[in-house]
Amino acid sequence: MASSPGARRIDPWLLLQLMSLKVVHDQFKFLVLMQINREDLGARYREAVLPIPRDPANRQQWATPVREYFEVQVRARESYSALALQLDPGLFADRP
C-alpha cells in the first residue's frame, strides 16, 4: 500500500487510543451493518474517520497514558517472573 506524499506516521500508542474510542467503534458497527458479507469488511475499514488531534501536544497527551499502561504491565510481569525465580520451594514448610 503506497502512502500519499503528505501522509504522516501516527504514533502506535495514539492509534491504539483512537481505535478504542466509542466514536470509532460506532463507525465500525455501522460499516459491518451496511456490509452484505458480514465476515469481510474488505477495504471498507478505510472509511472510518479517526479523530486525530491537530495539536502535537494533544496527540502526545492522548498517547502517553496508553504507552505507560502497557509499559507498567510489562514491568509488573517481569518483576513477578523474577520473584518466582527467587523463591525456592524448599523454603516452604508444607512441601515434602
PDB file of N, CA and C in Angstrom:
ATOM      1  N   MET A   1       0.847  -1.174   0.000  1.00  0.00           N
ATOM      2  CA  MET A   1       0.000   0.000   0.000  1.00  0.00           C
ATOM      3  C   MET A   1       0.892   1.237   0.000  1.00  0.00           C
ATOM      4  N   ALA A   2       0.777   2.023  -1.009  1.00  0.00           N
ATOM      5  CA  ALA A   2       1.575   3.248  -1.121  1.00  0.00           C
ATOM      6  C   ALA A   2       0.914   4.357  -0.320  1.00  0.00           C
ATOM      7  N   SER A   3       1.738   5.161   0.297  1.00  0.00           N
ATOM      8  CA  SER A   3       1.191   6.280   1.063  1.00  0.00           C
ATOM      9  C   SER A   3       1.300   7.548   0.232  1.00  0.00           C
ATOM     10  N   SER A   4       0.429   8.468   0.516  1.00  0.00           N
ATOM     11  CA  SER A   4       0.455   9.732  -0.217  1.00  0.00           C
ATOM     12  C   SER A   4       1.647  10.560   0.253  1.00  0.00           C
ATOM     13  N   PRO A   5       2.126  11.484  -0.577  1.00  0.00           N
ATOM     14  CA  PRO A   5       3.292  12.293  -0.198  1.00  0.00           C
ATOM     15  C   PRO A   5       3.070  13.092   1.081  1.00  0.00           C
ATOM     16  N   GLY A   6       1.832  13.487   1.349  1.00  0.00           N
ATOM     17  CA  GLY A   6       1.552  14.281   2.540  1.00  0.00           C
ATOM     18  C   GLY A   6       1.236  13.453   3.769  1.00  0.00           C
ATOM     19  N   ALA A   7       1.230  12.118   3.613  1.00  0.00           N
ATOM     20  CA  ALA A   7       0.881  11.259   4.741  1.00  0.00           C
ATOM     21  C   ALA A   7       1.959  11.312   5.812  1.00  0.00           C
ATOM     22  N   ARG A   8       1.523  11.321   7.062  1.00  0.00           N
ATOM     23  CA  ARG A   8       2.451  11.306   8.185  1.00  0.00           C
ATOM     24  C   ARG A   8       2.181  10.061   9.011  1.00  0.00           C
ATOM     25  N   ARG A   9       3.211   9.592   9.662  1.00  0.00           N
ATOM     26  CA  ARG A   9       3.036   8.431  10.527  1.00  0.00           C
ATOM     27  C   ARG A   9       2.331   8.850  11.806  1.00  0.00           C
ATOM     28  N   ILE A  10       1.594   7.902  12.353  1.00  0.00           N
ATOM     29  CA  ILE A  10       0.902   8.156  13.616  1.00  0.00           C
ATOM     30  C   ILE A  10       1.551   7.282  14.685  1.00  0.00           C
ATOM     31  N   ASP A  11       1.700   7.845  15.853  1.00  0.00           N
ATOM     32  CA  ASP A  11       2.253   7.113  16.985  1.00  0.00           C
ATOM     33  C   ASP A  11       1.375   5.876  17.229  1.00  0.00           C
ATOM     34  N   PRO A  12       1.968   4.683  17.347  1.00  0.00           N
ATOM     35  CA  PRO A  12       1.149   3.480  17.554  1.00  0.00           C
ATOM     36  C   PRO A  12       0.327   3.526  18.833  1.00  0.00           C
ATOM     37  N   TRP A  13       0.836   4.221  19.847  1.00  0.00           N
ATOM     38  CA  TRP A  13       0.077   4.328  21.102  1.00  0.00           C
ATOM     39  C   TRP A  13      -1.144   5.223  20.901  1.00  0.00           C
ATOM     40  N   LEU A  14      -0.982   6.272  20.125  1.00  0.00           N
ATOM     41  CA  LEU A  14      -2.119   7.131  19.811  1.00  0.00           C
ATOM     42  C   LEU A  14      -3.134   6.362  18.977  1.00  0.00           C
ATOM     43  N   LEU A  15      -2.662   5.585  18.021  1.00  0.00           N
ATOM     44  CA  LEU A  15      -3.563   4.791  17.188  1.00  0.00           C
ATOM     45  C   LEU A  15      -4.372   3.828  18.047  1.00  0.00           C
ATOM     46  N   LEU A  16      -3.726   3.174  18.990  1.00  0.00           N
ATOM     47  CA  LEU A  16      -4.444   2.266  19.893  1.00  0.00           C
ATOM     48  C   LEU A  16      -5.504   3.030  20.681  1.00  0.00           C
ATOM     49  N   GLN A  17      -5.161   4.202  21.174  1.00  0.00           N
ATOM     50  CA  GLN A  17      -6.114   5.024  21.922  1.00  0.00           C
ATOM     51  C   GLN A  17      -7.298   5.404  21.034  1.00  0.00           C
ATOM     52  N   LEU A  18      -7.005   5.852  19.814  1.00  0.00           N
ATOM     53  CA  LEU A  18      -8.066   6.275  18.909  1.00  0.00           C
ATOM     54  C   LEU A  18      -8.982   5.112  18.531  1.00  0.00           C
ATOM     55  N   MET A  19      -8.390   3.947  18.299  1.00  0.00           N
ATOM     56  CA  MET A  19      -9.189   2.781  17.922  1.00  0.00           C
ATOM     57  C   MET A  19     -10.049   2.290  19.085  1.00  0.00           C
ATOM     58  N   SER A  20      -9.748   2.726  20.292  1.00  0.00           N
ATOM     59  CA  SER A  20     -10.519   2.334  21.469  1.00  0.00           C
ATOM     60  C   SER A  20     -11.688   3.263  21.745  1.00  0.00           C
ATOM     61  N   LEU A  21     -11.767   4.383  21.049  1.00  0.00           N
ATOM     62  CA  LEU A  21     -12.834   5.350  21.299  1.00  0.00           C
ATOM     63  C   LEU A  21     -14.188   4.833  20.830  1.00  0.00           C
ATOM     64  N   LYS A  22     -15.225   5.184  21.566  1.00  0.00           N
ATOM     65  CA  LYS A  22     -16.583   4.766  21.220  1.00  0.00           C
ATOM     66  C   LYS A  22     -16.987   5.275  19.833  1.00  0.00           C
ATOM     67  N   VAL A  23     -16.610   6.488  19.500  1.00  0.00           N
ATOM     68  CA  VAL A  23     -16.996   7.053  18.206  1.00  0.00           C
ATOM     69  C   VAL A  23     -16.420   6.224  17.054  1.00  0.00           C
ATOM     70  N   VAL A  24     -15.239   5.665  17.222  1.00  0.00           N
ATOM     71  CA  VAL A  24     -14.630   4.824  16.189  1.00  0.00           C
ATOM     72  C   VAL A  24     -15.319   3.457  16.173  1.00  0.00           C
ATOM     73  N   HIS A  25     -15.607   2.896  17.352  1.00  0.00           N
ATOM     74  CA  HIS A  25     -16.320   1.619  17.424  1.00  0.00           C
ATOM     75  C   HIS A  25     -17.683   1.742  16.746  1.00  0.00           C
ATOM     76  N   ASP A  26     -18.351   2.849  16.973  1.00  0.00           N
ATOM     77  CA  ASP A  26     -19.662   3.052  16.346  1.00  0.00           C
ATOM     78  C   ASP A  26     -19.546   3.072  14.825  1.00  0.00           C
ATOM     79  N   GLN A  27     -18.486   3.654  14.306  1.00  0.00           N
ATOM     80  CA  GLN A  27     -18.289   3.674  12.858  1.00  0.00           C
ATOM     81  C   GLN A  27     -18.126   2.252  12.314  1.00  0.00           C
ATOM     82  N   PHE A  28     -17.352   1.435  13.021  1.00  0.00           N
ATOM     83  CA  PHE A  28     -17.159   0.063  12.562  1.00  0.00           C
ATOM     84  C   PHE A  28     -18.453  -0.734  12.653  1.00  0.00           C
ATOM     85  N   LYS A  29     -19.241  -0.498  13.696  1.00  0.00           N
ATOM     86  CA  LYS A  29     -20.536  -1.179  13.795  1.00  0.00           C
ATOM     87  C   LYS A  29     -21.407  -0.821  12.596  1.00  0.00           C
ATOM     88  N   PHE A  30     -21.403   0.449  12.219  1.00  0.00           N
ATOM     89  CA  PHE A  30     -22.182   0.887  11.066  1.00  0.00           C
ATOM     90  C   PHE A  30     -21.668   0.231   9.785  1.00  0.00           C
ATOM     91  N   LEU A  31     -20.349   0.183   9.620  1.00  0.00           N
ATOM     92  CA  LEU A  31     -19.778  -0.437   8.420  1.00  0.00           C
ATOM     93  C   LEU A  31     -20.148  -1.913   8.332  1.00  0.00           C
ATOM     94  N   VAL A  32     -20.121  -2.605   9.459  1.00  0.00           N
ATOM     95  CA  VAL A  32     -20.496  -4.016   9.476  1.00  0.00           C
ATOM     96  C   VAL A  32     -21.972  -4.158   9.156  1.00  0.00           C
ATOM     97  N   LEU A  33     -22.793  -3.294   9.704  1.00  0.00           N
ATOM     98  CA  LEU A  33     -24.230  -3.338   9.452  1.00  0.00           C
ATOM     99  C   LEU A  33     -24.531  -3.128   7.969  1.00  0.00           C
ATOM    100  N   MET A  34     -23.781  -2.250   7.340  1.00  0.00           N
ATOM    101  CA  MET A  34     -24.022  -1.932   5.940  1.00  0.00           C
ATOM    102  C   MET A  34     -23.376  -2.938   4.986  1.00  0.00           C
ATOM    103  N   GLN A  35     -22.501  -3.778   5.502  1.00  0.00           N
ATOM    104  CA  GLN A  35     -21.797  -4.743   4.665  1.00  0.00           C
ATOM    105  C   GLN A  35     -22.680  -5.963   4.437  1.00  0.00           C
ATOM    106  N   ILE A  36     -22.821  -6.382   3.200  1.00  0.00           N
ATOM    107  CA  ILE A  36     -23.644  -7.553   2.878  1.00  0.00           C
ATOM    108  C   ILE A  36     -22.989  -8.817   3.416  1.00  0.00           C
ATOM    109  N   ASN A  37     -21.704  -8.979   3.139  1.00  0.00           N
ATOM    110  CA  ASN A  37     -20.962 -10.130   3.632  1.00  0.00           C
ATOM    111  C   ASN A  37     -20.364  -9.737   4.980  1.00  0.00           C
ATOM    112  N   ARG A  38     -21.010 -10.073   6.058  1.00  0.00           N
ATOM    113  CA  ARG A  38     -20.648  -9.592   7.385  1.00  0.00           C
ATOM    114  C   ARG A  38     -19.302 -10.120   7.897  1.00  0.00           C
ATOM    115  N   GLU A  39     -18.772 -11.170   7.278  1.00  0.00           N
ATOM    116  CA  GLU A  39     -17.494 -11.700   7.738  1.00  0.00           C
ATOM    117  C   GLU A  39     -16.307 -10.928   7.175  1.00  0.00           C
ATOM    118  N   ASP A  40     -16.534 -10.115   6.160  1.00  0.00           N
ATOM    119  CA  ASP A  40     -15.416  -9.466   5.493  1.00  0.00           C
ATOM    120  C   ASP A  40     -15.755  -8.018   5.180  1.00  0.00           C
ATOM    121  N   LEU A  41     -15.046  -7.108   5.815  1.00  0.00           N
ATOM    122  CA  LEU A  41     -15.242  -5.695   5.509  1.00  0.00           C
ATOM    123  C   LEU A  41     -14.441  -5.275   4.286  1.00  0.00           C
ATOM    124  N   GLY A  42     -13.497  -6.108   3.880  1.00  0.00           N
ATOM    125  CA  GLY A  42     -12.659  -5.739   2.750  1.00  0.00           C
ATOM    126  C   GLY A  42     -11.935  -4.438   3.036  1.00  0.00           C
ATOM    127  N   ALA A  43     -11.960  -3.537   2.101  1.00  0.00           N
ATOM    128  CA  ALA A  43     -11.277  -2.249   2.256  1.00  0.00           C
ATOM    129  C   ALA A  43     -12.157  -1.202   2.928  1.00  0.00           C
ATOM    130  N   ARG A  44     -13.363  -1.566   3.315  1.00  0.00           N
ATOM    131  CA  ARG A  44     -14.287  -0.585   3.901  1.00  0.00           C
ATOM    132  C   ARG A  44     -13.816  -0.058   5.245  1.00  0.00           C
ATOM    133  N   TYR A  45     -12.911  -0.783   5.901  1.00  0.00           N
ATOM    134  CA  TYR A  45     -12.388  -0.282   7.186  1.00  0.00           C
ATOM    135  C   TYR A  45     -11.704   1.067   6.990  1.00  0.00           C
ATOM    136  N   ARG A  46     -11.266   1.342   5.767  1.00  0.00           N
ATOM    137  CA  ARG A  46     -10.601   2.619   5.479  1.00  0.00           C
ATOM    138  C   ARG A  46     -11.572   3.798   5.510  1.00  0.00           C
ATOM    139  N   GLU A  47     -12.847   3.508   5.555  1.00  0.00           N
ATOM    140  CA  GLU A  47     -13.847   4.574   5.592  1.00  0.00           C
ATOM    141  C   GLU A  47     -14.000   5.176   6.990  1.00  0.00           C
ATOM    142  N   ALA A  48     -13.505   4.487   7.991  1.00  0.00           N
ATOM    143  CA  ALA A  48     -13.597   5.008   9.354  1.00  0.00           C
ATOM    144  C   ALA A  48     -12.723   6.255   9.482  1.00  0.00           C
ATOM    145  N   VAL A  49     -13.253   7.242  10.169  1.00  0.00           N
ATOM    146  CA  VAL A  49     -12.540   8.506  10.371  1.00  0.00           C
ATOM    147  C   VAL A  49     -12.067   8.552  11.818  1.00  0.00           C
ATOM    148  N   LEU A  50     -10.752   8.710  11.979  1.00  0.00           N
ATOM    149  CA  LEU A  50     -10.180   8.789  13.323  1.00  0.00           C
ATOM    150  C   LEU A  50     -10.076  10.252  13.743  1.00  0.00           C
ATOM    151  N   PRO A  51     -10.496  10.558  14.971  1.00  0.00           N
ATOM    152  CA  PRO A  51     -10.422  11.941  15.454  1.00  0.00           C
ATOM    153  C   PRO A  51      -9.015  12.283  15.951  1.00  0.00           C
ATOM    154  N   ILE A  52      -8.095  12.455  15.033  1.00  0.00           N
ATOM    155  CA  ILE A  52      -6.700  12.728  15.382  1.00  0.00           C
ATOM    156  C   ILE A  52      -6.561  14.196  15.781  1.00  0.00           C
ATOM    157  N   PRO A  53      -6.070  14.458  16.979  1.00  0.00           N
ATOM    158  CA  PRO A  53      -5.876  15.851  17.401  1.00  0.00           C
ATOM    159  C   PRO A  53      -4.877  16.563  16.485  1.00  0.00           C
ATOM    160  N   ARG A  54      -5.177  17.799  16.155  1.00  0.00           N
ATOM    161  CA  ARG A  54      -4.289  18.583  15.284  1.00  0.00           C
ATOM    162  C   ARG A  54      -3.003  18.993  16.006  1.00  0.00           C
ATOM    163  N   ASP A  55      -3.128  19.306  17.265  1.00  0.00           N
ATOM    164  CA  ASP A  55      -2.000  19.793  18.048  1.00  0.00           C
ATOM    165  C   ASP A  55      -1.106  18.623  18.483  1.00  0.00           C
ATOM    166  N   PRO A  56       0.185  18.663  18.158  1.00  0.00           N
ATOM    167  CA  PRO A  56       1.096  17.576  18.567  1.00  0.00           C
ATOM    168  C   PRO A  56       1.105  17.339  20.080  1.00  0.00           C
ATOM    169  N   ALA A  57       0.943  18.398  20.858  1.00  0.00           N
ATOM    170  CA  ALA A  57       0.922  18.235  22.321  1.00  0.00           C
ATOM    171  C   ALA A  57      -0.286  17.408  22.749  1.00  0.00           C
ATOM    172  N   ASN A  58      -1.423  17.634  22.123  1.00  0.00           N
ATOM    173  CA  ASN A  58      -2.618  16.848  22.434  1.00  0.00           C
ATOM    174  C   ASN A  58      -2.450  15.397  21.997  1.00  0.00           C
ATOM    175  N   ARG A  59      -1.828  15.193  20.839  1.00  0.00           N
ATOM    176  CA  ARG A  59      -1.584  13.824  20.386  1.00  0.00           C
ATOM    177  C   ARG A  59      -0.709  13.095  21.396  1.00  0.00           C
ATOM    178  N   GLN A  60       0.319  13.772  21.859  1.00  0.00           N
ATOM    179  CA  GLN A  60       1.207  13.164  22.854  1.00  0.00           C
ATOM    180  C   GLN A  60       0.464  12.926  24.170  1.00  0.00           C
ATOM    181  N   GLN A  61      -0.382  13.861  24.554  1.00  0.00           N
ATOM    182  CA  GLN A  61      -1.159  13.736  25.794  1.00  0.00           C
ATOM    183  C   GLN A  61      -2.087  12.522  25.730  1.00  0.00           C
ATOM    184  N   TRP A  62      -2.627  12.227  24.573  1.00  0.00           N
ATOM    185  CA  TRP A  62      -3.508  11.069  24.416  1.00  0.00           C
ATOM    186  C   TRP A  62      -2.720   9.769  24.371  1.00  0.00           C
ATOM    187  N   ALA A  63      -1.531   9.794  23.771  1.00  0.00           N
ATOM    188  CA  ALA A  63      -0.746   8.571  23.577  1.00  0.00           C
ATOM    189  C   ALA A  63      -0.010   8.142  24.845  1.00  0.00           C
ATOM    190  N   THR A  64       0.458   9.086  25.626  1.00  0.00           N
ATOM    191  CA  THR A  64       1.305   8.784  26.775  1.00  0.00           C
ATOM    192  C   THR A  64       0.655   7.841  27.792  1.00  0.00           C
ATOM    193  N   PRO A  65      -0.584   8.062  28.217  1.00  0.00           N
ATOM    194  CA  PRO A  65      -1.162   7.135  29.204  1.00  0.00           C
ATOM    195  C   PRO A  65      -1.284   5.698  28.692  1.00  0.00           C
ATOM    196  N   VAL A  66      -1.546   5.534  27.417  1.00  0.00           N
ATOM    197  CA  VAL A  66      -1.657   4.190  26.849  1.00  0.00           C
ATOM    198  C   VAL A  66      -0.295   3.511  26.880  1.00  0.00           C
ATOM    199  N   ARG A  67       0.736   4.222  26.423  1.00  0.00           N
ATOM    200  CA  ARG A  67       2.094   3.675  26.438  1.00  0.00           C
ATOM    201  C   ARG A  67       2.505   3.329  27.868  1.00  0.00           C
ATOM    202  N   GLU A  68       2.261   4.227  28.811  1.00  0.00           N
ATOM    203  CA  GLU A  68       2.644   3.991  30.204  1.00  0.00           C
ATOM    204  C   GLU A  68       1.914   2.789  30.782  1.00  0.00           C
ATOM    205  N   TYR A  69       0.640   2.635  30.452  1.00  0.00           N
ATOM    206  CA  TYR A  69      -0.138   1.493  30.944  1.00  0.00           C
ATOM    207  C   TYR A  69       0.521   0.179  30.538  1.00  0.00           C
ATOM    208  N   PHE A  70       0.852   0.055  29.252  1.00  0.00           N
ATOM    209  CA  PHE A  70       1.436  -1.193  28.780  1.00  0.00           C
ATOM    210  C   PHE A  70       2.862  -1.387  29.284  1.00  0.00           C
ATOM    211  N   GLU A  71       3.613  -0.315  29.433  1.00  0.00           N
ATOM    212  CA  GLU A  71       4.960  -0.438  29.987  1.00  0.00           C
ATOM    213  C   GLU A  71       4.912  -0.905  31.433  1.00  0.00           C
ATOM    214  N   VAL A  72       3.953  -0.409  32.202  1.00  0.00           N
ATOM    215  CA  VAL A  72       3.790  -0.848  33.591  1.00  0.00           C
ATOM    216  C   VAL A  72       3.409  -2.325  33.633  1.00  0.00           C
ATOM    217  N   GLN A  73       2.549  -2.755  32.711  1.00  0.00           N
ATOM    218  CA  GLN A  73       2.171  -4.167  32.660  1.00  0.00           C
ATOM    219  C   GLN A  73       3.389  -5.053  32.408  1.00  0.00           C
ATOM    220  N   VAL A  74       4.254  -4.626  31.506  1.00  0.00           N
ATOM    221  CA  VAL A  74       5.462  -5.395  31.186  1.00  0.00           C
ATOM    222  C   VAL A  74       6.384  -5.451  32.398  1.00  0.00           C
ATOM    223  N   ARG A  75       6.583  -4.302  33.050  1.00  0.00           N
ATOM    224  CA  ARG A  75       7.454  -4.286  34.234  1.00  0.00           C
ATOM    225  C   ARG A  75       6.891  -5.160  35.349  1.00  0.00           C
ATOM    226  N   ALA A  76       5.583  -5.129  35.541  1.00  0.00           N
ATOM    227  CA  ALA A  76       4.965  -5.952  36.587  1.00  0.00           C
ATOM    228  C   ALA A  76       5.154  -7.435  36.283  1.00  0.00           C
ATOM    229  N   ARG A  77       4.987  -7.818  35.033  1.00  0.00           N
ATOM    230  CA  ARG A  77       5.174  -9.227  34.663  1.00  0.00           C
ATOM    231  C   ARG A  77       6.629  -9.646  34.847  1.00  0.00           C
ATOM    232  N   GLU A  78       7.554  -8.785  34.461  1.00  0.00           N
ATOM    233  CA  GLU A  78       8.973  -9.097  34.642  1.00  0.00           C
ATOM    234  C   GLU A  78       9.320  -9.216  36.117  1.00  0.00           C
ATOM    235  N   SER A  79       8.770  -8.339  36.938  1.00  0.00           N
ATOM    236  CA  SER A  79       9.022  -8.372  38.375  1.00  0.00           C
ATOM    237  C   SER A  79       8.461  -9.653  38.988  1.00  0.00           C
ATOM    238  N   TYR A  80       7.284 -10.040  38.569  1.00  0.00           N
ATOM    239  CA  TYR A  80       6.665 -11.259  39.086  1.00  0.00           C
ATOM    240  C   TYR A  80       7.479 -12.485  38.673  1.00  0.00           C
ATOM    241  N   SER A  81       7.941 -12.501  37.437  1.00  0.00           N
ATOM    242  CA  SER A  81       8.768 -13.619  36.973  1.00  0.00           C
ATOM    243  C   SER A  81      10.077 -13.686  37.750  1.00  0.00           C
ATOM    244  N   ALA A  82      10.678 -12.543  38.039  1.00  0.00           N
ATOM    245  CA  ALA A  82      11.921 -12.508  38.816  1.00  0.00           C
ATOM    246  C   ALA A  82      11.676 -13.027  40.225  1.00  0.00           C
ATOM    247  N   LEU A  83      10.553 -12.681  40.808  1.00  0.00           N
ATOM    248  CA  LEU A  83      10.214 -13.172  42.146  1.00  0.00           C
ATOM    249  C   LEU A  83      10.072 -14.686  42.135  1.00  0.00           C
ATOM    250  N   ALA A  84       9.423 -15.218  41.131  1.00  0.00           N
ATOM    251  CA  ALA A  84       9.238 -16.667  41.046  1.00  0.00           C
ATOM    252  C   ALA A  84      10.576 -17.388  40.964  1.00  0.00           C
ATOM    253  N   LEU A  85      11.552 -16.781  40.314  1.00  0.00           N
ATOM    254  CA  LEU A  85      12.881 -17.399  40.224  1.00  0.00           C
ATOM    255  C   LEU A  85      13.621 -17.362  41.560  1.00  0.00           C
ATOM    256  N   GLN A  86      13.305 -16.392  42.413  1.00  0.00           N
ATOM    257  CA  GLN A  86      13.979 -16.245  43.701  1.00  0.00           C
ATOM    258  C   GLN A  86      13.414 -17.182  44.763  1.00  0.00           C
ATOM    259  N   LEU A  87      12.178 -17.594  44.596  1.00  0.00           N
ATOM    260  CA  LEU A  87      11.552 -18.439  45.609  1.00  0.00           C
ATOM    261  C   LEU A  87      11.961 -19.891  45.424  1.00  0.00           C
ATOM    262  N   ASP A  88      12.540 -20.455  46.465  1.00  0.00           N
ATOM    263  CA  ASP A  88      12.938 -21.855  46.447  1.00  0.00           C
ATOM    264  C   ASP A  88      11.822 -22.664  47.097  1.00  0.00           C
ATOM    265  N   PRO A  89      11.281 -23.670  46.406  1.00  0.00           N
ATOM    266  CA  PRO A  89      10.198 -24.467  47.011  1.00  0.00           C
ATOM    267  C   PRO A  89      10.597 -25.102  48.336  1.00  0.00           C
ATOM    268  N   GLY A  90      11.889 -25.308  48.561  1.00  0.00           N
ATOM    269  CA  GLY A  90      12.348 -25.895  49.820  1.00  0.00           C
ATOM    270  C   GLY A  90      12.159 -24.977  51.020  1.00  0.00           C
ATOM    271  N   LEU A  91      11.882 -23.704  50.791  1.00  0.00           N
ATOM    272  CA  LEU A  91      11.672 -22.760  51.881  1.00  0.00           C
ATOM    273  C   LEU A  91      10.309 -22.893  52.537  1.00  0.00           C
ATOM    274  N   PHE A  92       9.401 -23.634  51.920  1.00  0.00           N
ATOM    275  CA  PHE A  92       8.040 -23.739  52.427  1.00  0.00           C
ATOM    276  C   PHE A  92       7.877 -25.021  53.239  1.00  0.00           C
ATOM    277  N   ALA A  93       7.253 -24.885  54.420  1.00  0.00           N
ATOM    278  CA  ALA A  93       7.119 -25.993  55.337  1.00  0.00           C
ATOM    279  C   ALA A  93       6.160 -27.061  54.826  1.00  0.00           C
ATOM    280  N   ASP A  94       5.222 -26.735  53.989  1.00  0.00           N
ATOM    281  CA  ASP A  94       4.233 -27.708  53.560  1.00  0.00           C
ATOM    282  C   ASP A  94       4.694 -28.534  52.353  1.00  0.00           C
ATOM    283  N   ARG A  95       5.945 -28.327  51.910  1.00  0.00           N
ATOM    284  CA  ARG A  95       6.478 -29.096  50.791  1.00  0.00           C
ATOM    285  C   ARG A  95       7.111 -30.373  51.308  1.00  0.00           C
ATOM    286  N   PRO A  96       6.928 -31.484  50.647  1.00  0.00           N
ATOM    287  CA  PRO A  96       7.559 -32.749  51.109  1.00  0.00           C
ATOM    288  C   PRO A  96       9.058 -32.714  50.901  1.00  0.00           C
TER     289      PRO A  96
END
